[in-house]
Amino acid sequence: MSRIAPTPPDFSLARKPLSARTFLKHVDRDWSATDWVIALSSVTLAVASAGFFSWSYAVSLETPDYFQQAALARMSPKLDPIETGSVGEAAHADAMPAPTIVRDHTPTPSDYQIVMIFQDEALLATRQELMRVKVGSVVPGLGTVQAIEGGTSGGSVTAEKATLRSIATPDP
C-alpha cells in the first residue's frame, strides 16, 4: 500500500489572513493547542533566561560589586531602638530607674579589700558590696582613685584617703 504525502500548507499572502486556529490546523496536525502553548512558553523562557544571564554577566564585568551593593541597599539596618543623647530634664522623664544604694554606715578604708587587679582596673569589696574601679573613680570612704598598680606579689590601689595593698598568699 502506498502512502500519499500530505500537501504542505499554503502560506502565501495572496489569500486572506489565517486565524490562529486555522494556522494551527494547517501547520502540524499531530500537535494540539496545548502542545503549542507549552512549546512557545518553553522557547520564551529559554530566550528570557539567556537574556537575563547575558545582562547579569555584562553588569558583573563592568561593575563587579554591583549585586552586592544592590543587596546591601535593600537590607534594613538593624539598629538599637534605644535613643541616646541629651542629659537634660526631658531625658530623665522616661529614663530607666537605677537602684539606690542604701548603706547602714559609710565605709572606711579598713572595710575594703582588693579582690583582683587587672590592667588599669581593680575589684574592691566590702562585706556588703563589690565595686569595679578605675583611676578617677570616686569610692565612698576612700575618695578618688589616683593609681592602680598590679604586681606578682599583689598590688595596690592608691586613693585620696588611703592606699590599699594586697599580698599574694603562697601556694600550699
N, C-alpha and C. Protein backbone atom coordinates (compact mmCIF):
# COMPACT_ATOMS: atom_id res chain seq x y z
N MET A 1 0.84 -1.14 0.00
CA MET A 1 0.00 0.00 0.00
C MET A 1 0.90 1.23 0.00
N SER A 2 0.59 2.15 -0.81
CA SER A 2 1.42 3.34 -0.94
C SER A 2 0.80 4.48 -0.13
N ARG A 3 1.68 5.28 0.38
CA ARG A 3 1.24 6.43 1.18
C ARG A 3 1.28 7.68 0.32
N ILE A 4 0.34 8.49 0.58
CA ILE A 4 0.29 9.76 -0.15
C ILE A 4 0.80 10.84 0.80
N ALA A 5 1.80 11.57 0.36
CA ALA A 5 2.37 12.62 1.19
C ALA A 5 1.38 13.77 1.29
N PRO A 6 1.23 14.31 2.50
CA PRO A 6 0.30 15.43 2.65
C PRO A 6 0.85 16.66 1.95
N THR A 7 -0.03 17.45 1.45
CA THR A 7 0.39 18.67 0.77
C THR A 7 0.74 19.71 1.81
N PRO A 8 1.84 20.42 1.62
CA PRO A 8 2.22 21.44 2.61
C PRO A 8 1.22 22.58 2.60
N PRO A 9 1.08 23.21 3.74
CA PRO A 9 0.14 24.32 3.81
C PRO A 9 0.62 25.49 2.96
N ASP A 10 -0.33 26.24 2.46
CA ASP A 10 -0.02 27.38 1.62
C ASP A 10 -0.05 28.64 2.49
N PHE A 11 1.11 29.28 2.66
CA PHE A 11 1.20 30.47 3.49
C PHE A 11 1.38 31.73 2.65
N SER A 12 0.92 31.72 1.50
CA SER A 12 1.09 32.89 0.64
C SER A 12 0.23 34.04 1.14
N LEU A 13 0.66 35.24 0.85
CA LEU A 13 -0.05 36.43 1.33
C LEU A 13 -1.24 36.80 0.44
N ALA A 14 -1.37 36.13 -0.67
CA ALA A 14 -2.45 36.46 -1.59
C ALA A 14 -3.80 36.07 -1.01
N ARG A 15 -3.80 35.14 -0.13
CA ARG A 15 -5.05 34.70 0.47
C ARG A 15 -5.40 35.59 1.66
N LYS A 16 -6.57 35.42 2.16
CA LYS A 16 -6.96 36.18 3.35
C LYS A 16 -6.16 35.70 4.56
N PRO A 17 -5.92 36.56 5.55
CA PRO A 17 -5.12 36.17 6.72
C PRO A 17 -5.78 35.02 7.47
N LEU A 18 -4.92 34.12 7.97
CA LEU A 18 -5.42 32.96 8.72
C LEU A 18 -5.62 33.31 10.18
N SER A 19 -6.61 32.73 10.77
CA SER A 19 -6.79 32.90 12.21
C SER A 19 -5.81 31.95 12.91
N ALA A 20 -5.62 32.14 14.22
CA ALA A 20 -4.70 31.29 14.96
C ALA A 20 -5.15 29.83 14.90
N ARG A 21 -6.40 29.60 15.00
CA ARG A 21 -6.92 28.23 14.97
C ARG A 21 -6.66 27.59 13.61
N THR A 22 -6.93 28.32 12.54
CA THR A 22 -6.70 27.79 11.19
C THR A 22 -5.21 27.57 10.97
N PHE A 23 -4.38 28.49 11.48
CA PHE A 23 -2.93 28.35 11.35
C PHE A 23 -2.46 27.08 12.03
N LEU A 24 -2.93 26.85 13.28
CA LEU A 24 -2.52 25.65 14.00
C LEU A 24 -2.99 24.37 13.30
N LYS A 25 -4.16 24.41 12.66
CA LYS A 25 -4.65 23.23 11.94
C LYS A 25 -3.76 22.90 10.75
N HIS A 26 -3.30 23.93 10.05
CA HIS A 26 -2.54 23.71 8.82
C HIS A 26 -1.06 23.40 9.09
N VAL A 27 -0.47 23.92 10.19
CA VAL A 27 0.96 23.76 10.41
C VAL A 27 1.30 22.32 10.75
N ASP A 28 0.68 21.78 11.78
CA ASP A 28 1.01 20.42 12.15
C ASP A 28 -0.22 19.80 12.79
N ARG A 29 -0.68 18.74 12.20
CA ARG A 29 -1.89 18.11 12.69
C ARG A 29 -1.62 17.20 13.88
N ASP A 30 -0.33 16.88 14.17
CA ASP A 30 -0.01 16.00 15.30
C ASP A 30 0.03 16.76 16.62
N TRP A 31 0.22 18.07 16.60
CA TRP A 31 0.32 18.85 17.83
C TRP A 31 -1.04 19.45 18.17
N SER A 32 -1.37 19.40 19.46
CA SER A 32 -2.61 20.05 19.91
C SER A 32 -2.29 21.49 20.30
N ALA A 33 -3.31 22.24 20.61
CA ALA A 33 -3.11 23.63 21.03
C ALA A 33 -2.29 23.69 22.32
N THR A 34 -2.49 22.74 23.21
CA THR A 34 -1.73 22.69 24.47
C THR A 34 -0.25 22.48 24.18
N ASP A 35 0.06 21.60 23.22
CA ASP A 35 1.46 21.37 22.86
C ASP A 35 2.11 22.66 22.37
N TRP A 36 1.38 23.43 21.57
CA TRP A 36 1.92 24.68 21.06
C TRP A 36 2.13 25.70 22.18
N VAL A 37 1.21 25.77 23.12
CA VAL A 37 1.35 26.71 24.24
C VAL A 37 2.57 26.35 25.06
N ILE A 38 2.77 25.06 25.34
CA ILE A 38 3.92 24.62 26.13
C ILE A 38 5.22 24.90 25.36
N ALA A 39 5.22 24.64 24.06
CA ALA A 39 6.41 24.88 23.25
C ALA A 39 6.76 26.37 23.22
N LEU A 40 5.78 27.22 23.00
CA LEU A 40 6.03 28.66 22.97
C LEU A 40 6.47 29.18 24.34
N SER A 41 5.89 28.65 25.40
CA SER A 41 6.30 29.05 26.75
C SER A 41 7.74 28.64 27.01
N SER A 42 8.12 27.45 26.59
CA SER A 42 9.49 26.96 26.78
C SER A 42 10.49 27.82 26.02
N VAL A 43 10.17 28.16 24.78
CA VAL A 43 11.07 29.00 23.98
C VAL A 43 11.17 30.39 24.60
N THR A 44 10.07 30.94 25.05
CA THR A 44 10.08 32.26 25.69
C THR A 44 10.93 32.24 26.95
N LEU A 45 10.78 31.20 27.76
CA LEU A 45 11.58 31.07 28.99
C LEU A 45 13.06 30.94 28.67
N ALA A 46 13.40 30.17 27.65
CA ALA A 46 14.80 30.00 27.27
C ALA A 46 15.40 31.32 26.79
N VAL A 47 14.68 32.06 25.97
CA VAL A 47 15.18 33.34 25.47
C VAL A 47 15.31 34.35 26.60
N ALA A 48 14.32 34.40 27.50
CA ALA A 48 14.38 35.32 28.64
C ALA A 48 15.53 34.97 29.57
N SER A 49 15.76 33.68 29.82
CA SER A 49 16.87 33.26 30.68
C SER A 49 18.21 33.63 30.06
N ALA A 50 18.35 33.37 28.78
CA ALA A 50 19.60 33.73 28.10
C ALA A 50 19.82 35.24 28.15
N GLY A 51 18.79 36.01 27.99
CA GLY A 51 18.90 37.46 28.06
C GLY A 51 19.30 37.93 29.45
N PHE A 52 18.67 37.34 30.48
CA PHE A 52 18.98 37.73 31.85
C PHE A 52 20.43 37.39 32.19
N PHE A 53 20.87 36.18 31.86
CA PHE A 53 22.23 35.78 32.19
C PHE A 53 23.25 36.60 31.40
N SER A 54 22.93 36.96 30.17
CA SER A 54 23.82 37.82 29.39
C SER A 54 23.92 39.20 30.03
N TRP A 55 22.78 39.74 30.45
CA TRP A 55 22.77 41.06 31.09
C TRP A 55 23.55 41.02 32.41
N SER A 56 23.31 39.99 33.25
CA SER A 56 24.00 39.94 34.55
C SER A 56 25.50 39.73 34.37
N TYR A 57 25.90 38.97 33.36
CA TYR A 57 27.32 38.79 33.09
C TYR A 57 27.96 40.11 32.65
N ALA A 58 27.29 40.84 31.78
CA ALA A 58 27.81 42.13 31.32
C ALA A 58 27.91 43.12 32.47
N VAL A 59 26.91 43.15 33.35
CA VAL A 59 26.94 44.06 34.51
C VAL A 59 28.08 43.67 35.45
N SER A 60 28.27 42.37 35.69
CA SER A 60 29.32 41.95 36.61
C SER A 60 30.72 42.22 36.05
N LEU A 61 30.85 42.26 34.73
CA LEU A 61 32.14 42.63 34.15
C LEU A 61 32.41 44.11 34.31
N GLU A 62 31.38 44.92 34.14
CA GLU A 62 31.57 46.36 34.23
C GLU A 62 31.69 46.85 35.67
N THR A 63 30.84 46.35 36.57
CA THR A 63 30.84 46.74 37.99
C THR A 63 30.80 45.46 38.83
N PRO A 64 31.97 44.94 39.22
CA PRO A 64 31.99 43.64 39.90
C PRO A 64 31.18 43.56 41.19
N ASP A 65 31.06 44.64 41.95
CA ASP A 65 30.32 44.57 43.21
C ASP A 65 28.91 45.16 43.11
N TYR A 66 28.35 45.24 41.92
CA TYR A 66 27.01 45.80 41.72
C TYR A 66 25.95 45.03 42.49
N PHE A 67 25.97 43.71 42.38
CA PHE A 67 24.92 42.90 43.00
C PHE A 67 25.03 42.91 44.52
N GLN A 68 26.26 42.94 45.05
CA GLN A 68 26.44 43.03 46.49
C GLN A 68 25.93 44.37 47.01
N GLN A 69 26.24 45.46 46.30
CA GLN A 69 25.76 46.78 46.72
C GLN A 69 24.24 46.86 46.64
N ALA A 70 23.66 46.25 45.61
CA ALA A 70 22.20 46.27 45.48
C ALA A 70 21.54 45.49 46.61
N ALA A 71 22.13 44.36 46.99
CA ALA A 71 21.57 43.57 48.09
C ALA A 71 21.69 44.31 49.41
N LEU A 72 22.82 44.94 49.66
CA LEU A 72 23.02 45.69 50.90
C LEU A 72 22.11 46.92 50.97
N ALA A 73 21.83 47.53 49.83
CA ALA A 73 20.97 48.71 49.81
C ALA A 73 19.54 48.35 50.17
N ARG A 74 19.12 47.12 49.86
CA ARG A 74 17.74 46.71 50.16
C ARG A 74 17.57 46.24 51.61
N MET A 75 18.66 45.95 52.31
CA MET A 75 18.57 45.47 53.69
C MET A 75 18.28 46.63 54.63
N SER A 76 17.39 46.40 55.57
CA SER A 76 17.12 47.44 56.56
C SER A 76 18.17 47.33 57.66
N PRO A 77 18.66 48.47 58.14
CA PRO A 77 19.68 48.41 59.18
C PRO A 77 19.08 47.90 60.49
N LYS A 78 19.85 47.10 61.19
CA LYS A 78 19.41 46.58 62.48
C LYS A 78 19.96 47.50 63.56
N LEU A 79 19.18 48.51 63.90
CA LEU A 79 19.60 49.49 64.88
C LEU A 79 18.94 49.24 66.22
N ASP A 80 19.64 49.60 67.25
CA ASP A 80 19.09 49.51 68.59
C ASP A 80 18.04 50.61 68.74
N PRO A 81 16.82 50.26 69.13
CA PRO A 81 15.77 51.28 69.20
C PRO A 81 15.96 52.28 70.35
N ILE A 82 16.90 52.06 71.24
CA ILE A 82 17.11 52.98 72.35
C ILE A 82 17.83 54.22 71.83
N GLU A 83 17.27 55.38 72.08
CA GLU A 83 17.90 56.62 71.64
C GLU A 83 18.72 57.18 72.78
N THR A 84 19.91 57.65 72.46
CA THR A 84 20.76 58.26 73.47
C THR A 84 21.02 59.69 73.06
N GLY A 85 21.47 60.47 74.00
CA GLY A 85 21.76 61.86 73.64
C GLY A 85 21.69 62.77 74.82
N SER A 86 20.72 63.66 74.85
CA SER A 86 20.62 64.72 75.84
C SER A 86 20.53 64.18 77.26
N VAL A 87 21.13 64.93 78.18
CA VAL A 87 21.07 64.57 79.59
C VAL A 87 20.21 65.58 80.34
N GLY A 88 19.44 66.35 79.62
CA GLY A 88 18.59 67.36 80.25
C GLY A 88 17.44 66.74 81.02
N GLU A 89 16.60 67.58 81.58
CA GLU A 89 15.46 67.12 82.38
C GLU A 89 14.50 66.25 81.57
N ALA A 90 14.31 66.56 80.29
CA ALA A 90 13.40 65.77 79.46
C ALA A 90 13.90 64.35 79.31
N ALA A 91 15.22 64.17 79.30
CA ALA A 91 15.78 62.83 79.15
C ALA A 91 15.54 62.00 80.41
N HIS A 92 15.45 62.65 81.58
CA HIS A 92 15.25 61.92 82.84
C HIS A 92 13.81 61.45 83.01
N ALA A 93 12.87 62.06 82.32
CA ALA A 93 11.46 61.72 82.50
C ALA A 93 11.17 60.27 82.15
N ASP A 94 11.76 59.75 81.09
CA ASP A 94 11.48 58.37 80.71
C ASP A 94 12.70 57.47 80.86
N ALA A 95 13.67 57.89 81.70
CA ALA A 95 14.86 57.09 81.92
C ALA A 95 14.53 55.88 82.79
N MET A 96 15.28 54.81 82.57
CA MET A 96 15.08 53.60 83.36
C MET A 96 15.62 53.84 84.77
N PRO A 97 14.85 53.52 85.79
CA PRO A 97 15.32 53.80 87.16
C PRO A 97 16.50 52.91 87.53
N ALA A 98 17.42 53.48 88.30
CA ALA A 98 18.57 52.73 88.79
C ALA A 98 18.39 52.51 90.28
N PRO A 99 18.91 51.39 90.79
CA PRO A 99 18.75 51.15 92.22
C PRO A 99 19.56 52.16 93.04
N THR A 100 19.01 52.54 94.15
CA THR A 100 19.69 53.45 95.06
C THR A 100 20.39 52.60 96.12
N ILE A 101 21.68 52.87 96.32
CA ILE A 101 22.43 52.10 97.31
C ILE A 101 22.20 52.72 98.68
N VAL A 102 21.73 51.90 99.60
CA VAL A 102 21.50 52.36 100.97
C VAL A 102 22.48 51.61 101.86
N ARG A 103 23.33 52.37 102.57
CA ARG A 103 24.33 51.78 103.47
C ARG A 103 23.96 52.11 104.91
N ASP A 104 24.24 51.17 105.78
CA ASP A 104 23.96 51.46 107.20
C ASP A 104 25.00 52.40 107.78
N HIS A 105 26.20 52.43 107.20
CA HIS A 105 27.22 53.41 107.56
C HIS A 105 28.16 53.59 106.36
N THR A 106 28.81 54.74 106.29
CA THR A 106 29.75 54.99 105.21
C THR A 106 30.99 54.14 105.44
N PRO A 107 31.42 53.39 104.41
CA PRO A 107 32.59 52.53 104.60
C PRO A 107 33.85 53.34 104.90
N THR A 108 34.73 52.74 105.65
CA THR A 108 36.04 53.34 105.94
C THR A 108 37.09 52.58 105.16
N PRO A 109 38.29 53.11 105.03
CA PRO A 109 39.32 52.40 104.28
C PRO A 109 39.59 50.98 104.81
N SER A 110 39.42 50.76 106.09
CA SER A 110 39.68 49.42 106.65
C SER A 110 38.59 48.42 106.26
N ASP A 111 37.45 48.89 105.75
CA ASP A 111 36.38 47.98 105.31
C ASP A 111 36.66 47.36 103.93
N TYR A 112 37.60 47.91 103.17
CA TYR A 112 37.85 47.47 101.79
C TYR A 112 38.94 46.42 101.71
N GLN A 113 38.77 45.52 100.76
CA GLN A 113 39.79 44.54 100.40
C GLN A 113 39.94 44.56 98.88
N ILE A 114 41.15 44.31 98.41
CA ILE A 114 41.35 44.18 96.97
C ILE A 114 41.07 42.72 96.60
N VAL A 115 40.12 42.53 95.71
CA VAL A 115 39.79 41.18 95.25
C VAL A 115 40.68 40.81 94.07
N MET A 116 40.84 41.73 93.14
CA MET A 116 41.61 41.44 91.93
C MET A 116 42.05 42.74 91.29
N ILE A 117 43.25 42.72 90.70
CA ILE A 117 43.74 43.84 89.91
C ILE A 117 44.05 43.30 88.52
N PHE A 118 43.52 43.96 87.52
CA PHE A 118 43.81 43.58 86.13
C PHE A 118 43.93 44.84 85.30
N GLN A 119 45.06 44.92 84.60
CA GLN A 119 45.41 46.08 83.79
C GLN A 119 45.22 47.36 84.59
N ASP A 120 44.30 48.24 84.19
CA ASP A 120 44.12 49.51 84.90
C ASP A 120 42.82 49.54 85.70
N GLU A 121 42.31 48.38 86.08
CA GLU A 121 41.08 48.29 86.86
C GLU A 121 41.30 47.38 88.06
N ALA A 122 40.43 47.56 89.06
CA ALA A 122 40.52 46.73 90.26
C ALA A 122 39.12 46.42 90.76
N LEU A 123 38.98 45.29 91.41
CA LEU A 123 37.74 44.93 92.09
C LEU A 123 37.99 45.09 93.58
N LEU A 124 37.17 45.93 94.22
CA LEU A 124 37.26 46.16 95.66
C LEU A 124 36.00 45.63 96.30
N ALA A 125 36.13 45.08 97.50
CA ALA A 125 34.97 44.50 98.18
C ALA A 125 34.90 44.96 99.62
N THR A 126 33.66 45.16 100.06
CA THR A 126 33.36 45.31 101.49
C THR A 126 32.50 44.12 101.84
N ARG A 127 32.01 44.05 103.05
CA ARG A 127 31.13 42.93 103.43
C ARG A 127 29.82 42.95 102.66
N GLN A 128 29.40 44.12 102.17
CA GLN A 128 28.09 44.24 101.53
C GLN A 128 28.14 44.58 100.04
N GLU A 129 29.30 45.00 99.53
CA GLU A 129 29.37 45.48 98.15
C GLU A 129 30.61 44.97 97.44
N LEU A 130 30.50 44.93 96.10
CA LEU A 130 31.63 44.65 95.23
C LEU A 130 31.67 45.77 94.22
N MET A 131 32.83 46.44 94.06
CA MET A 131 32.94 47.59 93.17
C MET A 131 34.05 47.36 92.17
N ARG A 132 33.81 47.77 90.96
CA ARG A 132 34.83 47.77 89.92
C ARG A 132 35.26 49.21 89.75
N VAL A 133 36.55 49.49 89.97
CA VAL A 133 37.03 50.87 89.95
C VAL A 133 38.16 51.03 88.95
N LYS A 134 38.30 52.27 88.47
CA LYS A 134 39.40 52.68 87.58
C LYS A 134 40.00 53.94 88.18
N VAL A 135 41.11 54.36 87.61
CA VAL A 135 41.71 55.63 88.04
C VAL A 135 40.70 56.73 87.73
N GLY A 136 40.40 57.56 88.72
CA GLY A 136 39.42 58.63 88.57
C GLY A 136 38.08 58.28 89.19
N SER A 137 37.84 57.02 89.54
CA SER A 137 36.58 56.63 90.18
C SER A 137 36.53 57.20 91.59
N VAL A 138 35.32 57.58 92.03
CA VAL A 138 35.13 58.07 93.39
C VAL A 138 34.54 56.92 94.20
N VAL A 139 35.25 56.51 95.26
CA VAL A 139 34.84 55.38 96.09
C VAL A 139 34.48 55.92 97.47
N PRO A 140 33.27 55.59 97.97
CA PRO A 140 32.88 56.08 99.30
C PRO A 140 33.88 55.61 100.38
N GLY A 141 34.35 56.54 101.18
CA GLY A 141 35.29 56.21 102.26
C GLY A 141 36.74 56.26 101.82
N LEU A 142 37.02 56.17 100.51
CA LEU A 142 38.39 56.23 100.01
C LEU A 142 38.66 57.51 99.23
N GLY A 143 37.65 58.07 98.63
CA GLY A 143 37.83 59.24 97.79
C GLY A 143 38.13 58.84 96.34
N THR A 144 38.79 59.73 95.60
CA THR A 144 39.10 59.49 94.20
C THR A 144 40.30 58.57 94.07
N VAL A 145 40.17 57.54 93.21
CA VAL A 145 41.27 56.60 92.98
C VAL A 145 42.30 57.31 92.12
N GLN A 146 43.56 57.32 92.59
CA GLN A 146 44.63 58.03 91.89
C GLN A 146 45.55 57.09 91.11
N ALA A 147 45.73 55.86 91.57
CA ALA A 147 46.62 54.92 90.87
C ALA A 147 46.21 53.49 91.20
N ILE A 148 46.40 52.62 90.21
CA ILE A 148 46.19 51.19 90.40
C ILE A 148 47.43 50.50 89.86
N GLU A 149 48.08 49.73 90.71
CA GLU A 149 49.31 49.05 90.31
C GLU A 149 49.20 47.58 90.68
N GLY A 150 49.46 46.73 89.70
CA GLY A 150 49.46 45.29 89.95
C GLY A 150 50.88 44.77 89.95
N GLY A 151 51.07 43.63 90.55
CA GLY A 151 52.40 43.02 90.59
C GLY A 151 52.30 41.54 90.90
N THR A 152 53.42 40.85 90.87
CA THR A 152 53.41 39.41 91.13
C THR A 152 53.15 39.10 92.59
N SER A 153 53.50 40.01 93.49
CA SER A 153 53.28 39.75 94.92
C SER A 153 52.04 40.49 95.44
N GLY A 154 51.11 40.80 94.56
CA GLY A 154 49.90 41.51 94.95
C GLY A 154 49.80 42.79 94.15
N GLY A 155 49.23 43.81 94.77
CA GLY A 155 49.10 45.08 94.09
C GLY A 155 48.62 46.13 95.05
N SER A 156 48.39 47.34 94.52
CA SER A 156 47.93 48.41 95.39
C SER A 156 46.97 49.32 94.64
N VAL A 157 46.05 49.90 95.40
CA VAL A 157 45.12 50.89 94.89
C VAL A 157 45.33 52.13 95.76
N THR A 158 45.78 53.21 95.13
CA THR A 158 46.04 54.44 95.85
C THR A 158 44.88 55.39 95.63
N ALA A 159 44.28 55.85 96.74
CA ALA A 159 43.16 56.78 96.68
C ALA A 159 43.52 58.01 97.51
N GLU A 160 42.60 59.00 97.59
CA GLU A 160 42.85 60.24 98.33
C GLU A 160 43.07 59.99 99.82
N LYS A 161 42.26 59.13 100.41
CA LYS A 161 42.28 58.96 101.86
C LYS A 161 43.12 57.79 102.34
N ALA A 162 43.47 56.84 101.44
CA ALA A 162 44.24 55.67 101.89
C ALA A 162 44.81 54.93 100.69
N THR A 163 45.76 54.05 100.98
CA THR A 163 46.32 53.15 99.97
C THR A 163 46.04 51.73 100.42
N LEU A 164 45.38 50.96 99.54
CA LEU A 164 45.08 49.56 99.84
C LEU A 164 46.14 48.70 99.19
N ARG A 165 46.63 47.70 99.95
CA ARG A 165 47.61 46.78 99.40
C ARG A 165 47.11 45.36 99.55
N SER A 166 47.37 44.56 98.52
CA SER A 166 47.05 43.14 98.64
C SER A 166 48.35 42.37 98.64
N ILE A 167 48.34 41.29 99.36
CA ILE A 167 49.54 40.46 99.47
C ILE A 167 49.17 39.11 98.90
N ALA A 168 49.98 38.64 97.96
CA ALA A 168 49.74 37.33 97.38
C ALA A 168 50.04 36.27 98.42
N THR A 169 49.14 35.33 98.57
CA THR A 169 49.34 34.24 99.52
C THR A 169 50.14 33.14 98.84
N PRO A 170 51.07 32.51 99.56
CA PRO A 170 51.87 31.44 98.96
C PRO A 170 51.00 30.22 98.64
N ASP A 171 51.34 29.52 97.57
CA ASP A 171 50.60 28.31 97.22
C ASP A 171 50.93 27.21 98.20
N PRO A 172 49.94 26.45 98.68
CA PRO A 172 50.21 25.36 99.65
C PRO A 172 50.92 24.19 99.00
